[in-house]
Amino acid sequence: MPASDKNPEKILAGFLEVKNKYGLDNEKFLVLLGMVNLMSIINLLEKRATGSGQGGGVRRPPAPQELVPFMGMFGGSKARQSGENQVK
């Protein structure tokens, strides 16, 4: 589905065409819709994290300022320090 096509009726018609083309039963069709929904959520979160309106599709590592709320979670800073001590 093209990203520029925002008409819900056209999008639904496209999904129903895919269902008929591949002979999907209702259960498999719902799994397909769930996967599309999950990918849309991931795209939305990625756009929020990068702060851009464009979903370029290329993932990048998070910048340090994006990680500030997660600093120290799961013992990250302590684990890093103990790892550095082991290397010495």
N, C-alpha and C. Protein backbone atom coordinates (compact mmCIF):
# COMPACT_ATOMS: atom_id res chain seq x y z
N MET A 1 0.83 -1.18 0.00
CA MET A 1 0.00 0.00 0.00
C MET A 1 0.88 1.25 0.00
N PRO A 2 0.63 2.15 -0.92
CA PRO A 2 1.40 3.40 -0.91
C PRO A 2 1.07 4.23 0.31
N ALA A 3 2.08 4.89 0.83
CA ALA A 3 1.90 5.72 2.02
C ALA A 3 1.04 6.95 1.72
N SER A 4 1.01 7.40 0.46
CA SER A 4 0.25 8.60 0.12
C SER A 4 -1.24 8.32 0.04
N ASP A 5 -1.65 7.05 -0.03
CA ASP A 5 -3.06 6.69 -0.13
C ASP A 5 -3.68 6.68 1.26
N LYS A 6 -4.38 7.76 1.63
CA LYS A 6 -4.93 7.90 2.98
C LYS A 6 -6.42 7.57 3.04
N ASN A 7 -7.05 7.20 1.92
CA ASN A 7 -8.47 6.92 1.89
C ASN A 7 -8.73 5.54 2.51
N PRO A 8 -9.42 5.48 3.66
CA PRO A 8 -9.63 4.19 4.34
C PRO A 8 -10.39 3.18 3.49
N GLU A 9 -11.34 3.66 2.66
CA GLU A 9 -12.10 2.74 1.82
C GLU A 9 -11.20 2.06 0.80
N LYS A 10 -10.28 2.83 0.21
CA LYS A 10 -9.35 2.25 -0.77
C LYS A 10 -8.38 1.28 -0.10
N ILE A 11 -7.94 1.62 1.09
CA ILE A 11 -7.02 0.74 1.81
C ILE A 11 -7.70 -0.57 2.14
N LEU A 12 -8.93 -0.50 2.65
CA LEU A 12 -9.68 -1.71 2.98
C LEU A 12 -9.95 -2.54 1.74
N ALA A 13 -10.32 -1.89 0.64
CA ALA A 13 -10.57 -2.61 -0.61
C ALA A 13 -9.29 -3.31 -1.08
N GLY A 14 -8.15 -2.66 -0.89
CA GLY A 14 -6.88 -3.28 -1.26
C GLY A 14 -6.59 -4.52 -0.43
N PHE A 15 -6.87 -4.44 0.88
CA PHE A 15 -6.66 -5.61 1.75
C PHE A 15 -7.61 -6.75 1.38
N LEU A 16 -8.84 -6.41 1.05
CA LEU A 16 -9.79 -7.45 0.65
C LEU A 16 -9.40 -8.10 -0.67
N GLU A 17 -8.80 -7.32 -1.57
CA GLU A 17 -8.28 -7.89 -2.82
C GLU A 17 -7.15 -8.87 -2.53
N VAL A 18 -6.28 -8.52 -1.60
CA VAL A 18 -5.19 -9.42 -1.21
C VAL A 18 -5.76 -10.70 -0.61
N LYS A 19 -6.80 -10.56 0.21
CA LYS A 19 -7.44 -11.73 0.83
C LYS A 19 -7.99 -12.66 -0.25
N ASN A 20 -8.68 -12.09 -1.22
CA ASN A 20 -9.26 -12.91 -2.29
C ASN A 20 -8.19 -13.48 -3.21
N LYS A 21 -7.16 -12.70 -3.50
CA LYS A 21 -6.10 -13.14 -4.41
C LYS A 21 -5.37 -14.37 -3.87
N TYR A 22 -5.07 -14.36 -2.57
CA TYR A 22 -4.31 -15.46 -1.98
C TYR A 22 -5.20 -16.48 -1.28
N GLY A 23 -6.51 -16.31 -1.33
CA GLY A 23 -7.44 -17.26 -0.75
C GLY A 23 -7.28 -17.41 0.76
N LEU A 24 -7.10 -16.30 1.45
CA LEU A 24 -6.92 -16.34 2.90
C LEU A 24 -8.26 -16.54 3.59
N ASP A 25 -8.28 -17.41 4.60
CA ASP A 25 -9.48 -17.52 5.41
C ASP A 25 -9.50 -16.36 6.40
N ASN A 26 -10.56 -16.22 7.18
CA ASN A 26 -10.71 -15.07 8.07
C ASN A 26 -9.61 -15.01 9.12
N GLU A 27 -9.20 -16.17 9.63
CA GLU A 27 -8.16 -16.18 10.67
C GLU A 27 -6.82 -15.67 10.12
N LYS A 28 -6.44 -16.13 8.95
CA LYS A 28 -5.18 -15.68 8.35
C LYS A 28 -5.26 -14.20 7.96
N PHE A 29 -6.44 -13.78 7.53
CA PHE A 29 -6.63 -12.38 7.17
C PHE A 29 -6.48 -11.48 8.39
N LEU A 30 -7.02 -11.92 9.53
CA LEU A 30 -6.87 -11.13 10.76
C LEU A 30 -5.42 -11.08 11.22
N VAL A 31 -4.68 -12.16 11.01
CA VAL A 31 -3.25 -12.15 11.34
C VAL A 31 -2.53 -11.14 10.45
N LEU A 32 -2.88 -11.12 9.16
CA LEU A 32 -2.29 -10.15 8.24
C LEU A 32 -2.58 -8.72 8.69
N LEU A 33 -3.83 -8.43 9.06
CA LEU A 33 -4.19 -7.09 9.52
C LEU A 33 -3.45 -6.74 10.81
N GLY A 34 -3.29 -7.73 11.69
CA GLY A 34 -2.55 -7.49 12.93
C GLY A 34 -1.10 -7.15 12.66
N MET A 35 -0.49 -7.84 11.70
CA MET A 35 0.90 -7.56 11.36
C MET A 35 1.05 -6.17 10.74
N VAL A 36 0.10 -5.80 9.89
CA VAL A 36 0.13 -4.46 9.29
C VAL A 36 -0.02 -3.41 10.39
N ASN A 37 -0.91 -3.66 11.33
CA ASN A 37 -1.12 -2.73 12.44
C ASN A 37 0.15 -2.60 13.28
N LEU A 38 0.79 -3.72 13.58
CA LEU A 38 2.03 -3.69 14.35
C LEU A 38 3.11 -2.90 13.63
N MET A 39 3.25 -3.11 12.33
CA MET A 39 4.26 -2.37 11.57
C MET A 39 3.93 -0.87 11.56
N SER A 40 2.66 -0.51 11.52
CA SER A 40 2.28 0.90 11.56
C SER A 40 2.64 1.52 12.91
N ILE A 41 2.43 0.78 13.99
CA ILE A 41 2.78 1.27 15.32
C ILE A 41 4.29 1.47 15.42
N ILE A 42 5.06 0.52 14.90
CA ILE A 42 6.52 0.63 14.93
C ILE A 42 6.97 1.84 14.12
N ASN A 43 6.36 2.05 12.96
CA ASN A 43 6.69 3.22 12.14
C ASN A 43 6.40 4.51 12.88
N LEU A 44 5.25 4.57 13.55
CA LEU A 44 4.88 5.77 14.30
C LEU A 44 5.87 6.04 15.43
N LEU A 45 6.24 4.99 16.16
CA LEU A 45 7.21 5.17 17.25
C LEU A 45 8.57 5.59 16.73
N GLU A 46 8.96 5.04 15.58
CA GLU A 46 10.25 5.42 15.00
C GLU A 46 10.24 6.89 14.57
N LYS A 47 9.13 7.34 14.01
CA LYS A 47 9.03 8.75 13.61
C LYS A 47 9.09 9.66 14.83
N ARG A 48 8.45 9.25 15.94
CA ARG A 48 8.50 10.05 17.16
C ARG A 48 9.90 10.11 17.73
N ALA A 49 10.60 8.99 17.70
CA ALA A 49 11.95 8.94 18.28
C ALA A 49 12.92 9.81 17.49
N THR A 50 12.77 9.83 16.18
CA THR A 50 13.69 10.63 15.36
C THR A 50 13.23 12.06 15.24
N GLY A 51 11.93 12.32 15.54
CA GLY A 51 11.41 13.67 15.46
C GLY A 51 11.18 14.14 14.05
N SER A 52 11.10 13.22 13.11
CA SER A 52 10.90 13.61 11.72
C SER A 52 9.56 13.10 11.23
N GLY A 53 9.03 13.76 10.24
CA GLY A 53 7.79 13.32 9.63
C GLY A 53 8.03 12.24 8.59
N GLN A 54 9.24 12.14 8.12
CA GLN A 54 9.57 11.16 7.10
C GLN A 54 10.01 9.86 7.74
N GLY A 55 9.42 8.76 7.32
CA GLY A 55 9.84 7.44 7.79
C GLY A 55 10.78 6.87 6.75
N GLY A 56 12.05 7.23 6.79
CA GLY A 56 13.00 6.80 5.79
C GLY A 56 13.23 5.31 5.74
N GLY A 57 12.86 4.62 6.79
CA GLY A 57 13.02 3.18 6.80
C GLY A 57 14.40 2.74 7.26
N VAL A 58 15.32 3.67 7.42
CA VAL A 58 16.66 3.32 7.87
C VAL A 58 16.72 3.54 9.38
N ARG A 59 17.03 2.50 10.10
CA ARG A 59 17.12 2.63 11.55
C ARG A 59 18.51 3.10 11.93
N ARG A 60 18.55 3.92 12.94
CA ARG A 60 19.83 4.41 13.42
C ARG A 60 19.89 4.18 14.92
N PRO A 61 21.08 4.08 15.47
CA PRO A 61 21.16 3.94 16.93
C PRO A 61 20.67 5.21 17.60
N PRO A 62 20.04 5.09 18.76
CA PRO A 62 19.53 6.28 19.43
C PRO A 62 20.66 7.19 19.91
N ALA A 63 20.40 8.48 19.84
CA ALA A 63 21.38 9.46 20.31
C ALA A 63 21.39 9.45 21.84
N PRO A 64 22.51 9.86 22.47
CA PRO A 64 22.58 9.85 23.93
C PRO A 64 21.47 10.64 24.61
N GLN A 65 21.05 11.77 24.03
CA GLN A 65 19.98 12.54 24.66
C GLN A 65 18.65 11.81 24.62
N GLU A 66 18.47 10.87 23.68
CA GLU A 66 17.24 10.08 23.63
C GLU A 66 17.25 8.99 24.69
N LEU A 67 18.41 8.62 25.17
CA LEU A 67 18.53 7.54 26.14
C LEU A 67 18.44 8.01 27.58
N VAL A 68 18.43 9.32 27.81
CA VAL A 68 18.45 9.86 29.17
C VAL A 68 17.36 9.25 30.06
N PRO A 69 16.09 9.10 29.60
CA PRO A 69 15.09 8.51 30.49
C PRO A 69 15.40 7.06 30.87
N PHE A 70 16.23 6.39 30.09
CA PHE A 70 16.51 4.98 30.33
C PHE A 70 17.85 4.73 31.01
N MET A 71 18.56 5.79 31.35
CA MET A 71 19.86 5.63 31.99
C MET A 71 19.71 4.92 33.33
N GLY A 72 20.50 3.92 33.56
CA GLY A 72 20.47 3.19 34.81
C GLY A 72 19.43 2.10 34.87
N MET A 73 18.56 2.02 33.86
CA MET A 73 17.57 0.94 33.85
C MET A 73 18.29 -0.37 33.64
N PHE A 74 17.84 -1.39 34.31
CA PHE A 74 18.41 -2.73 34.21
C PHE A 74 19.87 -2.75 34.61
N GLY A 75 20.32 -1.81 35.39
CA GLY A 75 21.70 -1.79 35.86
C GLY A 75 22.69 -1.48 34.75
N GLY A 76 22.27 -0.72 33.75
CA GLY A 76 23.10 -0.45 32.58
C GLY A 76 24.42 0.22 32.90
N SER A 77 24.42 1.25 33.72
CA SER A 77 25.66 1.97 34.00
C SER A 77 26.58 1.13 34.88
N LYS A 78 26.02 0.38 35.83
CA LYS A 78 26.84 -0.46 36.70
C LYS A 78 27.45 -1.61 35.91
N ALA A 79 26.66 -2.19 35.01
CA ALA A 79 27.17 -3.31 34.20
C ALA A 79 28.29 -2.84 33.28
N ARG A 80 28.14 -1.63 32.76
CA ARG A 80 29.17 -1.09 31.88
C ARG A 80 30.46 -0.86 32.66
N GLN A 81 30.36 -0.35 33.89
CA GLN A 81 31.54 -0.10 34.71
C GLN A 81 32.23 -1.40 35.06
N SER A 82 31.47 -2.43 35.43
CA SER A 82 32.11 -3.70 35.78
C SER A 82 32.77 -4.34 34.57
N GLY A 83 32.16 -4.13 33.38
CA GLY A 83 32.78 -4.64 32.15
C GLY A 83 34.08 -3.95 31.85
N GLU A 84 34.15 -2.65 32.12
CA GLU A 84 35.39 -1.91 31.90
C GLU A 84 36.45 -2.35 32.87
N ASN A 85 36.08 -2.65 34.11
CA ASN A 85 37.04 -3.11 35.10
C ASN A 85 37.62 -4.47 34.72
N GLN A 86 36.82 -5.33 34.12
CA GLN A 86 37.29 -6.65 33.71
C GLN A 86 38.27 -6.56 32.57
N VAL A 87 38.11 -5.58 31.69
CA VAL A 87 38.99 -5.44 30.53
C VAL A 87 40.37 -5.00 30.97
N LYS A 88 40.47 -4.19 32.03
CA LYS A 88 41.76 -3.64 32.48
C LYS A 88 42.65 -4.68 33.00
